[in-house]
Amino acid sequence: QLQLVESGGGLVQPGGSLRLSCAASGFTLDDYAIGWFRQAPGKEREGVSCISSDDGSAYYKPSVKGRFTISRGNSKNTMYLQMNSLKPEDTAVYHCAAGPNYDCYGYVLGYYGMDYWGIGTLVNVSS
């Protein structure tokens, strides 16, 4: 069974940091483009970041560039999102996802969708 499971969400004060993790089972993340997406209350899901499977190039939503870093784990079945300088507007349920190795900007901008999704982890940025 192909599965993605996120962890690492929680409550953090503005300016703080969190690292989200995503563990895959039933398949190897190395073969896929991988990404993080988020959905805030009352809003549509949006792309946050994506990293390709060939050259490791990454693409970020402009509002998180310089604050968030996406990475693959050494185990081939994990991925991470390091989030620094968090803002209240970053509050959302964050989902990890994996899909064919298309251009990452297309995934983040919503031109096409990923194939496999986790159920999400809540990040709440509040004082």
C-alpha atoms as a PDB file:
ATOM      1  CA  GLN A   1       0.000   0.000   0.000  1.00  0.00           C
ATOM      2  CA  LEU A   2       1.395   3.381  -1.052  1.00  0.00           C
ATOM      3  CA  GLN A   3       1.255   5.838   1.814  1.00  0.00           C
ATOM      4  CA  LEU A   4       2.639   9.207   2.918  1.00  0.00           C
ATOM      5  CA  VAL A   5       2.496  10.273   6.560  1.00  0.00           C
ATOM      6  CA  GLU A   6       3.375  13.756   7.806  1.00  0.00           C
ATOM      7  CA  SER A   7       4.576  14.716  11.268  1.00  0.00           C
ATOM      8  CA  GLY A   8       6.065  17.703  13.049  1.00  0.00           C
ATOM      9  CA  GLY A   9       3.214  20.164  13.044  1.00  0.00           C
ATOM     10  CA  GLY A  10       2.121  22.079  16.106  1.00  0.00           C
ATOM     11  CA  LEU A  11       1.678  25.448  17.741  1.00  0.00           C
ATOM     12  CA  VAL A  12       4.527  27.933  17.342  1.00  0.00           C
ATOM     13  CA  GLN A  13       4.902  31.628  18.046  1.00  0.00           C
ATOM     14  CA  PRO A  14       5.469  34.110  15.223  1.00  0.00           C
ATOM     15  CA  GLY A  15       9.146  34.158  14.311  1.00  0.00           C
ATOM     16  CA  GLY A  16       9.614  30.575  15.418  1.00  0.00           C
ATOM     17  CA  SER A  17      10.616  27.467  13.495  1.00  0.00           C
ATOM     18  CA  LEU A  18       9.235  24.009  12.778  1.00  0.00           C
ATOM     19  CA  ARG A  19      10.480  21.096  10.726  1.00  0.00           C
ATOM     20  CA  LEU A  20       7.877  18.945   9.036  1.00  0.00           C
ATOM     21  CA  SER A  21       8.698  15.373   8.101  1.00  0.00           C
ATOM     22  CA  CYS A  22       7.054  13.043   5.628  1.00  0.00           C
ATOM     23  CA  ALA A  23       7.605   9.292   5.536  1.00  0.00           C
ATOM     24  CA  ALA A  24       6.721   7.172   2.521  1.00  0.00           C
ATOM     25  CA  SER A  25       5.861   3.495   2.564  1.00  0.00           C
ATOM     26  CA  GLY A  26       5.274   1.193  -0.381  1.00  0.00           C
ATOM     27  CA  PHE A  27       7.384   3.251  -2.778  1.00  0.00           C
ATOM     28  CA  THR A  28      10.650   5.183  -3.008  1.00  0.00           C
ATOM     29  CA  LEU A  29      10.532   8.969  -3.019  1.00  0.00           C
ATOM     30  CA  ASP A  30      13.740   9.160  -5.059  1.00  0.00           C
ATOM     31  CA  ASP A  31      11.763   8.272  -8.182  1.00  0.00           C
ATOM     32  CA  TYR A  32       9.318  11.160  -7.827  1.00  0.00           C
ATOM     33  CA  ALA A  33       9.074  14.897  -7.678  1.00  0.00           C
ATOM     34  CA  ILE A  34       8.011  15.675  -4.117  1.00  0.00           C
ATOM     35  CA  GLY A  35       6.333  18.681  -2.660  1.00  0.00           C
ATOM     36  CA  TRP A  36       4.579  20.382   0.210  1.00  0.00           C
ATOM     37  CA  PHE A  37       1.165  21.972  -0.077  1.00  0.00           C
ATOM     38  CA  ARG A  38      -1.002  23.739   2.478  1.00  0.00           C
ATOM     39  CA  GLN A  39      -4.626  24.622   3.048  1.00  0.00           C
ATOM     40  CA  ALA A  40      -5.620  27.386   5.413  1.00  0.00           C
ATOM     41  CA  PRO A  41      -9.126  27.514   6.931  1.00  0.00           C
ATOM     42  CA  GLY A  42     -11.626  28.719   4.359  1.00  0.00           C
ATOM     43  CA  LYS A  43      -9.066  28.837   1.573  1.00  0.00           C
ATOM     44  CA  GLU A  44      -8.083  26.630  -1.335  1.00  0.00           C
ATOM     45  CA  ARG A  45      -5.046  24.392  -1.175  1.00  0.00           C
ATOM     46  CA  GLU A  46      -1.870  26.027  -2.474  1.00  0.00           C
ATOM     47  CA  GLY A  47       1.584  24.843  -3.422  1.00  0.00           C
ATOM     48  CA  VAL A  48       4.416  25.720  -1.056  1.00  0.00           C
ATOM     49  CA  SER A  49       7.485  24.026  -2.462  1.00  0.00           C
ATOM     50  CA  CYS A  50       8.621  21.205  -4.717  1.00  0.00           C
ATOM     51  CA  ILE A  51      11.918  19.447  -5.430  1.00  0.00           C
ATOM     52  CA  SER A  52      12.649  17.455  -8.557  1.00  0.00           C
ATOM     53  CA  SER A  53      13.965  13.910  -8.632  1.00  0.00           C
ATOM     54  CA  ASP A  54      16.656  14.392 -11.285  1.00  0.00           C
ATOM     55  CA  ASP A  55      18.753  17.467 -10.559  1.00  0.00           C
ATOM     56  CA  GLY A  56      17.370  18.294  -7.128  1.00  0.00           C
ATOM     57  CA  SER A  57      16.223  21.746  -8.168  1.00  0.00           C
ATOM     58  CA  ALA A  58      13.596  23.292  -5.926  1.00  0.00           C
ATOM     59  CA  TYR A  59      10.831  25.816  -6.459  1.00  0.00           C
ATOM     60  CA  TYR A  60       9.136  27.849  -3.741  1.00  0.00           C
ATOM     61  CA  LYS A  61       5.998  29.908  -3.435  1.00  0.00           C
ATOM     62  CA  PRO A  62       7.345  33.497  -3.372  1.00  0.00           C
ATOM     63  CA  SER A  63       5.949  34.265   0.084  1.00  0.00           C
ATOM     64  CA  VAL A  64       7.964  31.431   1.672  1.00  0.00           C
ATOM     65  CA  LYS A  65      11.177  31.679  -0.367  1.00  0.00           C
ATOM     66  CA  GLY A  66      14.108  32.388   1.917  1.00  0.00           C
ATOM     67  CA  ARG A  67      12.205  31.151   4.979  1.00  0.00           C
ATOM     68  CA  PHE A  68      11.326  27.558   4.030  1.00  0.00           C
ATOM     69  CA  THR A  69      13.652  24.816   2.788  1.00  0.00           C
ATOM     70  CA  ILE A  70      12.523  21.554   1.210  1.00  0.00           C
ATOM     71  CA  SER A  71      14.846  18.559   1.272  1.00  0.00           C
ATOM     72  CA  ARG A  72      15.029  14.831   0.758  1.00  0.00           C
ATOM     73  CA  GLY A  73      16.171  12.568   3.550  1.00  0.00           C
ATOM     74  CA  ASN A  74      19.101  10.204   3.332  1.00  0.00           C
ATOM     75  CA  SER A  75      16.823   7.174   3.613  1.00  0.00           C
ATOM     76  CA  LYS A  76      15.142   7.757   0.196  1.00  0.00           C
ATOM     77  CA  ASN A  77      11.753   7.429   1.862  1.00  0.00           C
ATOM     78  CA  THR A  78      11.653  10.696   3.767  1.00  0.00           C
ATOM     79  CA  MET A  79      11.316  14.356   2.970  1.00  0.00           C
ATOM     80  CA  TYR A  80      11.347  17.492   5.065  1.00  0.00           C
ATOM     81  CA  LEU A  81      10.205  21.083   5.138  1.00  0.00           C
ATOM     82  CA  GLN A  82      12.224  23.356   7.397  1.00  0.00           C
ATOM     83  CA  MET A  83      10.158  26.433   8.195  1.00  0.00           C
ATOM     84  CA  ASN A  84      11.817  29.463   9.778  1.00  0.00           C
ATOM     85  CA  SER A  85      10.584  32.960  10.613  1.00  0.00           C
ATOM     86  CA  LEU A  86       7.018  31.682  10.702  1.00  0.00           C
ATOM     87  CA  LYS A  87       4.164  34.142  10.321  1.00  0.00           C
ATOM     88  CA  PRO A  88       0.500  33.864  11.322  1.00  0.00           C
ATOM     89  CA  GLU A  89      -0.398  33.650   7.627  1.00  0.00           C
ATOM     90  CA  ASP A  90       1.568  30.389   7.438  1.00  0.00           C
ATOM     91  CA  THR A  91      -1.110  28.735   9.597  1.00  0.00           C
ATOM     92  CA  ALA A  92      -2.570  25.816   7.638  1.00  0.00           C
ATOM     93  CA  VAL A  93      -2.743  22.062   7.304  1.00  0.00           C
ATOM     94  CA  TYR A  94       0.414  21.032   5.467  1.00  0.00           C
ATOM     95  CA  HIS A  95       0.385  18.017   3.139  1.00  0.00           C
ATOM     96  CA  CYS A  96       3.306  16.225   1.554  1.00  0.00           C
ATOM     97  CA  ALA A  97       2.845  14.761  -1.906  1.00  0.00           C
ATOM     98  CA  ALA A  98       4.680  12.898  -4.655  1.00  0.00           C
ATOM     99  CA  GLY A  99       4.188  12.805  -8.409  1.00  0.00           C
ATOM    100  CA  PRO A 100       5.836  12.273 -11.799  1.00  0.00           C
ATOM    101  CA  ASN A 101       8.996  14.273 -12.374  1.00  0.00           C
ATOM    102  CA  TYR A 102       7.376  17.214 -14.145  1.00  0.00           C
ATOM    103  CA  ASP A 103       8.692  20.762 -13.684  1.00  0.00           C
ATOM    104  CA  CYS A 104       8.257  21.792 -10.064  1.00  0.00           C
ATOM    105  CA  TYR A 105       6.964  25.296 -10.786  1.00  0.00           C
ATOM    106  CA  GLY A 106       3.958  23.668 -12.417  1.00  0.00           C
ATOM    107  CA  TYR A 107       3.164  21.711  -9.295  1.00  0.00           C
ATOM    108  CA  VAL A 108       3.506  24.734  -7.015  1.00  0.00           C
ATOM    109  CA  LEU A 109       1.455  26.961  -9.320  1.00  0.00           C
ATOM    110  CA  GLY A 110      -1.223  24.299  -9.641  1.00  0.00           C
ATOM    111  CA  TYR A 111      -0.908  23.582 -13.371  1.00  0.00           C
ATOM    112  CA  TYR A 112      -1.000  19.867 -12.636  1.00  0.00           C
ATOM    113  CA  GLY A 113      -1.371  17.684  -9.572  1.00  0.00           C
ATOM    114  CA  MET A 114       0.626  15.093  -7.698  1.00  0.00           C
ATOM    115  CA  ASP A 115      -0.419  11.466  -7.511  1.00  0.00           C
ATOM    116  CA  TYR A 116       0.123  10.584  -3.859  1.00  0.00           C
ATOM    117  CA  TRP A 117      -0.882  12.615  -0.828  1.00  0.00           C
ATOM    118  CA  GLY A 118      -0.577  12.501   2.943  1.00  0.00           C
ATOM    119  CA  ILE A 119      -3.484  13.431   5.188  1.00  0.00           C
ATOM    120  CA  GLY A 120      -1.694  16.477   6.556  1.00  0.00           C
ATOM    121  CA  THR A 121      -0.337  17.991   9.754  1.00  0.00           C
ATOM    122  CA  LEU A 122      -1.580  21.219  11.319  1.00  0.00           C
ATOM    123  CA  VAL A 123       0.777  24.176  11.717  1.00  0.00           C
ATOM    124  CA  ASN A 124      -0.629  26.950  13.912  1.00  0.00           C
ATOM    125  CA  VAL A 125       1.418  30.152  14.135  1.00  0.00           C
ATOM    126  CA  SER A 126       0.012  32.223  16.952  1.00  0.00           C
ATOM    127  CA  SER A 127       1.079  34.200  19.998  1.00  0.00           C
END
